[in-house]
Amino acid sequence: VFALTLEDGQYYYGYCRKMLPPGKPIRYDVDRRYPEVLCLISKSTELDMFERILDCFQGRRVVDPNSCMGFLQALGQVSPLPNPGASFRFRSSSLGVLCEYKFSRPQLGEKGHADLVFKYLTPKMLRYVVGAVLSEQRIIFISK
């Protein structure tokens, strides 16, 4: 995730997914494959919603790589996004089958990814992390 700031102070957010192109089904270590990145840029900050969209895209890409452009075009026609808490749908075909996708925008105060920080870090640990970020120190998180 990254943020772009325009000259007038508006923010655009980028949600990216790095994927390897489909290779030969038997061995993946024979041919060299270069990673590809899909990046969705939006004014909205719904990380969870865009993660689900990228998951659907990645799954669709594995099944039928040729239908990915149709998926992105159908997604691009959903404009503007509905109000927070509402859902939106779009349809796209893959291998001759019409698939319908439904995504929901979270409520205004709903930030699932932010709650994880407070769930796993004590206030004292969080203070150390913020201090390290402000003093531009390296931070390494290790989990079990």
Foldseek 3Di string as FASTA:
>chain_A
DDWDADPVGQIKDKDKDKDWQDDDPPDDPPDDTDIDMDIDIGSDDQNVQVVVLVVVLVVLCVVAVVQSVQSVVQVVVPPPPDDAQAKDKTWGDDPRRIDMDMTHHHHPVDDVVVVVCPVPDPPVRVVVVVVCVVVVHDDDDDDD
